[in-house]
Amino acid sequence: MPATRTTLRRSLAAAAAMPLLIGALASCGYGSQAKKDEKKVVAEGPQLSAPQVRLGYFPNLTHATALVGDQEGFFQKELGGTELKVSAFNAGPSAIEALNAGSIDIGFIGPSPAINGYSKSKGQNLRIVGGSASGGVKLVVDPAKIKTVDDLKGRKIATPQLGNTQDVAFLHWIAEKGWKVDAQSGKGDVSVVRTDNKIAPDAYKSGSIDGAWVPEPTASKLVSEGAKVLLDETSLWPGEKFVITNIIVSQTFLKEHPDVVEAVLRGSVKTNAWINANPAKAKESANARLKALSGKPLPTEVIDPAWPSIRFTDDPLAATLQAQADHAVGTGLLKKPDLAGIYDLRPLNKVLKAAGKPEVADAGLGAE
């Protein structure tokens, strides 16, 4: 790759500093990277080992476990007197920076930023402690300009952020097609334009981009503006399953407050069960949380097609994480990482066993 590793690292660090702009940004102890939740949280009952837990997630439907768990109070109920505080982020690198800075304790995040964060810290800053979702990512394009995959050459396609999960997936897919793109600049046979999910629809309407490889609901927002789905990433994976959202935790917080981590995981497991048993109500709940974060809910024409494309699961689908790490290495965005110990699924398996559910596997990447 033309760029040096040092230049690439600096670029990735700069990309990680991109903030989420949802309404007016408020301080959350980490500059302007996250918006402090305005919802009043009622913490009742005995306090766990920490007075509060700070949870980060994205205003994406692929993070609906967090959206619904927060909205319906599943997390807070399990936490009792320990207060839940939440912050919203646009993309994974920003959330990793917040975790490293101690601004959040637990986060819902995509696989690529988790891999990058674990690798760059030499296995010291985080653990993946649970799964959340699979699927919900699509390549959508302007049908007037792009009718087949081959028509992508020479076009401008957006991804949310340099080094995020969709960025890596798209770069890997481009490489498999035999096309050449410089991972750092995004220039090549296809122009990869890193564009905040919030502004991607406007960029599409203005003609600044010709399509996007993005998670829901951004993909369906673009479709509502006239774009067409060219590819669903689910179709590229064996069994049509791949991890899109993990639950990560600071290793320090996990060590000091395992009871709090278990409580959040119980809330997550109960949330996923409720979502899968009540899909219509869960869709409404997720939309209500999105409204609280952004000031307006998703319109029916966006959320209705987006919701069915996401599968909610407690299983982190660990084998697919290794595959995504290999994809990041292949793109040149990551040196071959040692992922041994990235998972600690013991708290989750304890929760699952207590709930009468089958345990999940770590694909040989578990902490000792």
Protein backbone atom coordinates (compact mmCIF):
# COMPACT_ATOMS: atom_id res chain seq x y z
CA MET A 1 0.00 0.00 0.00
CA PRO A 2 1.44 3.46 -0.87
CA ALA A 3 0.89 5.02 2.54
CA THR A 4 3.29 4.29 5.40
CA ARG A 5 2.07 2.54 8.52
CA THR A 6 2.75 5.71 10.53
CA THR A 7 0.63 7.81 8.20
CA LEU A 8 -2.12 5.23 8.30
CA ARG A 9 -2.11 5.13 12.09
CA ARG A 10 -2.35 8.90 12.22
CA SER A 11 -5.24 8.84 9.76
CA LEU A 12 -7.07 6.20 11.77
CA ALA A 13 -6.57 8.23 14.93
CA ALA A 14 -7.98 11.29 13.21
CA ALA A 15 -10.94 9.32 11.97
CA ALA A 16 -11.58 8.02 15.47
CA ALA A 17 -12.05 11.56 16.68
CA MET A 18 -15.06 12.25 14.45
CA PRO A 19 -18.07 13.12 16.61
CA LEU A 20 -21.69 12.17 16.42
CA LEU A 21 -23.87 15.18 15.78
CA ILE A 22 -27.39 14.51 17.03
CA GLY A 23 -28.98 17.82 17.74
CA ALA A 24 -26.82 19.98 20.00
CA LEU A 25 -23.83 18.12 21.37
CA ALA A 26 -23.45 17.99 25.11
CA SER A 27 -20.44 17.15 27.21
CA CYS A 28 -20.21 13.63 28.54
CA GLY A 29 -16.74 13.69 30.02
CA TYR A 30 -15.15 13.00 26.63
CA GLY A 31 -15.23 16.26 24.77
CA SER A 32 -17.92 16.33 22.09
CA GLN A 33 -17.62 12.72 21.01
CA ALA A 34 -20.83 11.59 22.63
CA LYS A 35 -24.14 13.13 23.45
CA LYS A 36 -25.20 12.73 27.05
CA ASP A 37 -28.57 11.06 27.37
CA GLU A 38 -31.29 13.45 28.48
CA LYS A 39 -33.65 10.71 29.66
CA LYS A 40 -34.11 10.60 33.42
CA VAL A 41 -33.00 7.22 34.70
CA VAL A 42 -34.65 5.85 37.82
CA ALA A 43 -32.34 3.55 39.75
CA GLU A 44 -34.22 1.66 42.45
CA GLY A 45 -33.25 -1.14 44.80
CA PRO A 46 -29.90 -2.30 46.20
CA GLN A 47 -26.84 -0.81 44.56
CA LEU A 48 -24.33 -3.15 42.95
CA SER A 49 -20.57 -2.73 43.36
CA ALA A 50 -20.53 0.49 41.28
CA PRO A 51 -22.79 3.52 41.81
CA GLN A 52 -23.21 3.88 38.04
CA VAL A 53 -22.34 2.23 34.72
CA ARG A 54 -21.74 4.25 31.56
CA LEU A 55 -23.02 2.54 28.43
CA GLY A 56 -22.31 3.58 24.85
CA TYR A 57 -24.22 2.62 21.71
CA PHE A 58 -25.14 3.94 18.26
CA PRO A 59 -28.46 5.31 16.95
CA ASN A 60 -28.55 2.43 14.46
CA LEU A 61 -31.10 -0.35 14.24
CA THR A 62 -28.19 -2.79 14.34
CA HIS A 63 -27.88 -1.59 17.96
CA ALA A 64 -31.55 -2.23 18.71
CA THR A 65 -30.68 -4.44 21.68
CA ALA A 66 -29.27 -1.34 23.34
CA LEU A 67 -32.03 0.95 22.08
CA VAL A 68 -34.82 -1.33 23.29
CA GLY A 69 -33.07 -2.42 26.48
CA ASP A 70 -32.63 1.21 27.42
CA GLN A 71 -36.10 2.31 26.32
CA GLU A 72 -37.95 -0.53 28.06
CA GLY A 73 -35.81 -0.44 31.20
CA PHE A 74 -34.43 -3.98 30.91
CA PHE A 75 -30.92 -2.81 31.79
CA GLN A 76 -31.92 -0.56 34.66
CA LYS A 77 -34.17 -3.24 36.19
CA GLU A 78 -31.23 -5.64 36.36
CA LEU A 79 -28.91 -2.92 37.68
CA GLY A 80 -31.18 -2.03 40.58
CA GLY A 81 -29.73 0.90 42.49
CA THR A 82 -26.76 1.24 40.14
CA GLU A 83 -27.55 4.09 37.76
CA LEU A 84 -27.37 3.57 34.01
CA LYS A 85 -25.93 6.47 32.01
CA VAL A 86 -25.86 6.24 28.22
CA SER A 87 -24.05 8.04 25.41
CA ALA A 88 -24.62 7.78 21.66
CA PHE A 89 -21.84 7.49 19.05
CA ASN A 90 -21.72 7.58 15.28
CA ALA A 91 -19.17 4.83 14.66
CA GLY A 92 -16.95 2.33 16.41
CA PRO A 93 -13.57 4.10 16.46
CA SER A 94 -15.12 6.98 18.43
CA ALA A 95 -16.60 4.58 20.98
CA ILE A 96 -13.24 2.81 21.37
CA GLU A 97 -11.59 6.15 22.06
CA ALA A 98 -14.21 6.85 24.73
CA LEU A 99 -13.66 3.42 26.31
CA ASN A 100 -9.90 3.99 26.35
CA ALA A 101 -10.40 7.43 27.90
CA GLY A 102 -12.63 6.01 30.64
CA SER A 103 -15.70 7.91 29.45
CA ILE A 104 -17.74 4.72 29.01
CA ASP A 105 -17.46 1.34 30.72
CA ILE A 106 -19.45 -0.90 28.40
CA GLY A 107 -20.32 -0.46 24.75
CA PHE A 108 -22.23 -1.94 21.85
CA ILE A 109 -19.88 -1.91 18.89
CA GLY A 110 -19.05 -3.47 15.54
CA PRO A 111 -16.36 -6.12 15.12
CA SER A 112 -13.70 -4.12 13.26
CA PRO A 113 -13.30 -1.36 15.89
CA ALA A 114 -13.24 -4.03 18.62
CA ILE A 115 -10.49 -5.87 16.75
CA ASN A 116 -8.54 -2.65 16.16
CA GLY A 117 -8.90 -1.55 19.76
CA TYR A 118 -7.82 -4.90 21.15
CA SER A 119 -4.90 -5.20 18.75
CA LYS A 120 -3.55 -1.67 19.23
CA SER A 121 -3.64 -2.00 23.02
CA LYS A 122 -1.91 -5.39 22.78
CA GLY A 123 -4.92 -7.01 24.39
CA GLN A 124 -5.09 -4.68 27.38
CA ASN A 125 -8.10 -2.38 26.95
CA LEU A 126 -11.25 -4.41 26.26
CA ARG A 127 -13.00 -7.75 26.21
CA ILE A 128 -15.94 -8.84 24.09
CA VAL A 129 -18.47 -10.22 26.57
CA GLY A 130 -21.52 -10.82 24.39
CA GLY A 131 -23.25 -10.67 21.05
CA SER A 132 -26.16 -8.53 20.00
CA ALA A 133 -26.98 -8.61 16.30
CA SER A 134 -26.24 -10.14 12.91
CA GLY A 135 -26.94 -8.66 9.49
CA GLY A 136 -28.56 -5.33 8.71
CA VAL A 137 -25.90 -4.05 6.28
CA LYS A 138 -26.55 -3.29 2.60
CA LEU A 139 -24.94 -1.80 -0.47
CA VAL A 140 -27.46 0.67 -1.87
CA VAL A 141 -26.90 2.62 -5.08
CA ASP A 142 -28.35 5.16 -7.48
CA PRO A 143 -30.19 2.97 -10.02
CA ALA A 144 -29.83 5.60 -12.72
CA LYS A 145 -26.05 5.31 -12.55
CA ILE A 146 -25.46 1.77 -11.26
CA LYS A 147 -27.49 -1.17 -12.53
CA THR A 148 -24.98 -3.99 -11.99
CA VAL A 149 -21.95 -4.60 -9.80
CA ASP A 150 -19.62 -3.79 -12.70
CA ASP A 151 -21.13 -0.30 -12.90
CA LEU A 152 -19.55 0.54 -9.52
CA LYS A 153 -16.17 1.20 -11.16
CA GLY A 154 -15.48 4.92 -11.20
CA ARG A 155 -18.33 5.68 -8.78
CA LYS A 156 -18.31 7.27 -5.32
CA ILE A 157 -19.55 4.92 -2.59
CA ALA A 158 -19.85 5.98 1.04
CA THR A 159 -18.92 4.09 4.19
CA PRO A 160 -19.50 5.54 7.70
CA GLN A 161 -15.90 6.00 8.83
CA LEU A 162 -12.34 4.97 7.97
CA GLY A 163 -11.65 1.63 9.63
CA ASN A 164 -15.19 0.97 10.82
CA THR A 165 -16.90 -2.39 10.22
CA GLN A 166 -18.67 -1.40 6.98
CA ASP A 167 -15.54 0.31 5.65
CA VAL A 168 -13.51 -2.88 6.11
CA ALA A 169 -16.28 -5.04 4.63
CA PHE A 170 -16.55 -2.87 1.52
CA LEU A 171 -12.78 -2.65 1.00
CA HIS A 172 -12.55 -6.44 1.33
CA TRP A 173 -15.37 -6.94 -1.16
CA ILE A 174 -13.72 -4.53 -3.61
CA ALA A 175 -10.46 -6.47 -3.35
CA GLU A 176 -12.27 -9.75 -4.00
CA LYS A 177 -13.61 -8.21 -7.21
CA GLY A 178 -10.03 -7.61 -8.28
CA TRP A 179 -10.33 -3.84 -8.09
CA LYS A 180 -7.67 -1.61 -6.54
CA VAL A 181 -8.40 1.05 -3.89
CA ASP A 182 -5.95 2.78 -1.56
CA ALA A 183 -7.40 2.02 1.86
CA GLN A 184 -6.23 5.27 3.45
CA SER A 185 -7.35 7.77 0.82
CA GLY A 186 -10.22 5.73 -0.59
CA LYS A 187 -9.04 6.51 -4.13
CA GLY A 188 -8.96 3.87 -6.83
CA ASP A 189 -11.18 1.91 -9.17
CA VAL A 190 -14.03 2.79 -6.80
CA SER A 191 -13.92 5.98 -4.71
CA VAL A 192 -14.63 5.14 -1.06
CA VAL A 193 -16.01 8.29 0.57
CA ARG A 194 -16.12 8.23 4.38
CA THR A 195 -19.40 9.93 5.23
CA ASP A 196 -21.20 10.26 8.56
CA ASN A 197 -24.35 8.13 8.52
CA LYS A 198 -26.38 11.18 9.50
CA ILE A 199 -25.42 13.15 6.41
CA ALA A 200 -25.23 10.27 3.89
CA PRO A 201 -28.84 10.77 2.68
CA ASP A 202 -28.19 14.45 1.94
CA ALA A 203 -24.92 13.55 0.25
CA TYR A 204 -26.81 11.07 -1.91
CA LYS A 205 -29.51 13.60 -2.83
CA SER A 206 -26.88 16.16 -3.79
CA GLY A 207 -25.00 13.70 -5.98
CA SER A 208 -21.88 13.81 -3.80
CA ILE A 209 -22.08 10.01 -3.50
CA ASP A 210 -23.54 7.41 -5.86
CA GLY A 211 -24.33 4.87 -3.17
CA ALA A 212 -23.27 3.55 0.22
CA TRP A 213 -22.30 0.37 2.10
CA VAL A 214 -24.06 1.13 5.38
CA PRO A 215 -26.00 -0.32 8.31
CA GLU A 216 -29.68 0.12 8.99
CA PRO A 217 -31.49 2.46 9.14
CA THR A 218 -29.17 4.45 6.87
CA ALA A 219 -29.55 1.93 4.04
CA SER A 220 -33.34 2.20 4.09
CA LYS A 221 -33.16 6.00 4.42
CA LEU A 222 -31.22 6.04 1.16
CA VAL A 223 -33.73 3.71 -0.45
CA SER A 224 -36.50 6.11 0.58
CA GLU A 225 -34.57 8.77 -1.38
CA GLY A 226 -34.63 6.63 -4.51
CA ALA A 227 -31.65 4.32 -4.04
CA LYS A 228 -31.91 0.57 -4.71
CA VAL A 229 -30.40 -2.33 -2.79
CA LEU A 230 -27.66 -3.86 -4.93
CA LEU A 231 -26.34 -6.26 -2.30
CA ASP A 232 -27.23 -7.46 1.20
CA GLU A 233 -24.02 -8.33 3.04
CA THR A 234 -25.79 -11.27 4.70
CA SER A 235 -25.66 -13.10 1.37
CA LEU A 236 -21.85 -13.12 1.49
CA TRP A 237 -21.57 -15.13 4.72
CA PRO A 238 -21.88 -18.89 5.35
CA GLY A 239 -25.24 -19.60 6.95
CA GLU A 240 -26.13 -15.93 6.31
CA LYS A 241 -24.85 -15.01 9.76
CA PHE A 242 -22.11 -12.58 10.70
CA VAL A 243 -21.57 -10.46 13.77
CA ILE A 244 -22.47 -6.82 13.27
CA THR A 245 -22.75 -5.77 16.92
CA ASN A 246 -20.81 -6.99 19.97
CA ILE A 247 -20.91 -6.00 23.62
CA ILE A 248 -17.50 -4.88 24.89
CA VAL A 249 -16.31 -3.86 28.33
CA SER A 250 -13.24 -2.21 29.78
CA GLN A 251 -11.04 -4.91 31.29
CA THR A 252 -10.60 -2.76 34.38
CA PHE A 253 -14.35 -2.39 34.83
CA LEU A 254 -14.89 -6.12 34.26
CA LYS A 255 -12.32 -6.95 36.91
CA GLU A 256 -13.60 -4.44 39.44
CA HIS A 257 -17.36 -4.76 38.83
CA PRO A 258 -18.21 -8.23 37.48
CA ASP A 259 -21.65 -8.06 39.09
CA VAL A 260 -22.48 -4.92 37.10
CA VAL A 261 -21.31 -6.52 33.86
CA GLU A 262 -23.47 -9.58 34.58
CA ALA A 263 -26.45 -7.32 35.25
CA VAL A 264 -26.04 -5.57 31.89
CA LEU A 265 -25.71 -8.95 30.17
CA ARG A 266 -28.88 -10.20 31.89
CA GLY A 267 -30.59 -7.09 30.59
CA SER A 268 -29.26 -7.78 27.10
CA VAL A 269 -30.39 -11.43 27.10
CA LYS A 270 -33.85 -10.46 28.34
CA THR A 271 -34.04 -7.67 25.76
CA ASN A 272 -33.16 -9.99 22.87
CA ALA A 273 -35.74 -12.52 24.05
CA TRP A 274 -38.39 -9.77 24.21
CA ILE A 275 -37.44 -8.41 20.78
CA ASN A 276 -37.68 -11.84 19.16
CA ALA A 277 -40.99 -12.60 20.88
CA ASN A 278 -42.50 -9.16 20.16
CA PRO A 279 -41.01 -7.89 16.89
CA ALA A 280 -43.69 -5.27 16.21
CA LYS A 281 -43.58 -3.81 19.72
CA ALA A 282 -39.77 -3.97 19.70
CA LYS A 283 -39.65 -2.03 16.43
CA GLU A 284 -41.84 0.68 17.99
CA SER A 285 -39.65 0.74 21.10
CA ALA A 286 -36.44 1.11 19.11
CA ASN A 287 -38.03 3.94 17.14
CA ALA A 288 -39.13 5.68 20.33
CA ARG A 289 -35.54 5.58 21.57
CA LEU A 290 -34.27 6.93 18.26
CA LYS A 291 -36.77 9.77 18.58
CA ALA A 292 -35.45 10.56 22.07
CA LEU A 293 -31.89 10.67 20.72
CA SER A 294 -32.46 12.56 17.47
CA GLY A 295 -35.69 14.45 18.05
CA LYS A 296 -37.72 12.52 15.49
CA PRO A 297 -38.61 8.87 14.83
CA LEU A 298 -37.85 6.97 11.64
CA PRO A 299 -40.67 7.16 9.11
CA THR A 300 -42.58 3.99 8.31
CA GLU A 301 -41.04 3.71 4.85
CA VAL A 302 -37.60 3.50 6.46
CA ILE A 303 -38.05 1.36 9.56
CA ASP A 304 -40.43 -1.22 8.08
CA PRO A 305 -38.02 -2.56 5.43
CA ALA A 306 -34.99 -2.15 7.69
CA TRP A 307 -36.20 -4.07 10.74
CA PRO A 308 -36.60 -7.59 9.26
CA SER A 309 -33.04 -7.63 7.91
CA ILE A 310 -31.50 -7.75 11.40
CA ARG A 311 -31.25 -10.85 13.60
CA PHE A 312 -30.90 -10.35 17.33
CA THR A 313 -28.73 -12.90 19.09
CA ASP A 314 -26.81 -13.38 22.33
CA ASP A 315 -24.18 -15.38 20.41
CA PRO A 316 -21.22 -13.17 19.43
CA LEU A 317 -20.61 -15.43 16.38
CA ALA A 318 -16.93 -15.52 17.26
CA ALA A 319 -15.79 -17.41 14.17
CA THR A 320 -17.00 -14.56 11.97
CA LEU A 321 -15.00 -12.06 14.04
CA GLN A 322 -11.80 -13.89 13.07
CA ALA A 323 -12.88 -13.72 9.43
CA GLN A 324 -13.46 -9.97 9.70
CA ALA A 325 -10.02 -9.56 11.27
CA ASP A 326 -8.55 -11.35 8.28
CA HIS A 327 -10.46 -8.96 6.00
CA ALA A 328 -8.96 -5.94 7.80
CA VAL A 329 -5.48 -7.38 7.40
CA GLY A 330 -6.11 -7.97 3.72
CA THR A 331 -7.15 -4.35 3.18
CA GLY A 332 -3.95 -3.07 4.79
CA LEU A 333 -5.79 -1.33 7.63
CA LEU A 334 -4.47 -3.73 10.25
CA LYS A 335 -1.36 -5.78 10.88
CA LYS A 336 -2.15 -9.42 11.56
CA PRO A 337 -3.57 -9.31 15.10
CA ASP A 338 -3.27 -11.77 17.94
CA LEU A 339 -6.89 -12.06 19.06
CA ALA A 340 -6.26 -14.65 21.77
CA GLY A 341 -8.17 -13.50 24.84
CA ILE A 342 -10.40 -10.97 23.10
CA TYR A 343 -13.48 -12.79 24.41
CA ASP A 344 -14.53 -13.44 27.97
CA LEU A 345 -17.87 -15.18 27.62
CA ARG A 346 -17.90 -16.64 31.13
CA PRO A 347 -20.26 -13.95 32.50
CA LEU A 348 -22.61 -14.36 29.53
CA ASN A 349 -22.60 -18.15 29.73
CA LYS A 350 -23.37 -17.89 33.44
CA VAL A 351 -26.36 -15.69 32.59
CA LEU A 352 -27.47 -17.98 29.77
CA LYS A 353 -27.20 -21.09 31.93
CA ALA A 354 -29.28 -19.45 34.66
CA ALA A 355 -31.91 -18.60 32.02
CA GLY A 356 -31.99 -22.16 30.72
CA LYS A 357 -30.40 -21.18 27.41
CA PRO A 358 -27.50 -22.89 25.60
CA GLU A 359 -24.02 -21.54 26.16
CA VAL A 360 -22.09 -19.87 23.34
CA ALA A 361 -18.55 -20.49 22.06
CA ASP A 362 -15.55 -18.19 21.71
CA ALA A 363 -13.92 -19.97 18.72
CA GLY A 364 -10.77 -20.54 20.76
CA LEU A 365 -10.26 -16.82 21.39
CA GLY A 366 -11.33 -16.75 25.05
CA ALA A 367 -9.49 -15.25 28.00
CA GLU A 368 -7.95 -17.70 30.42
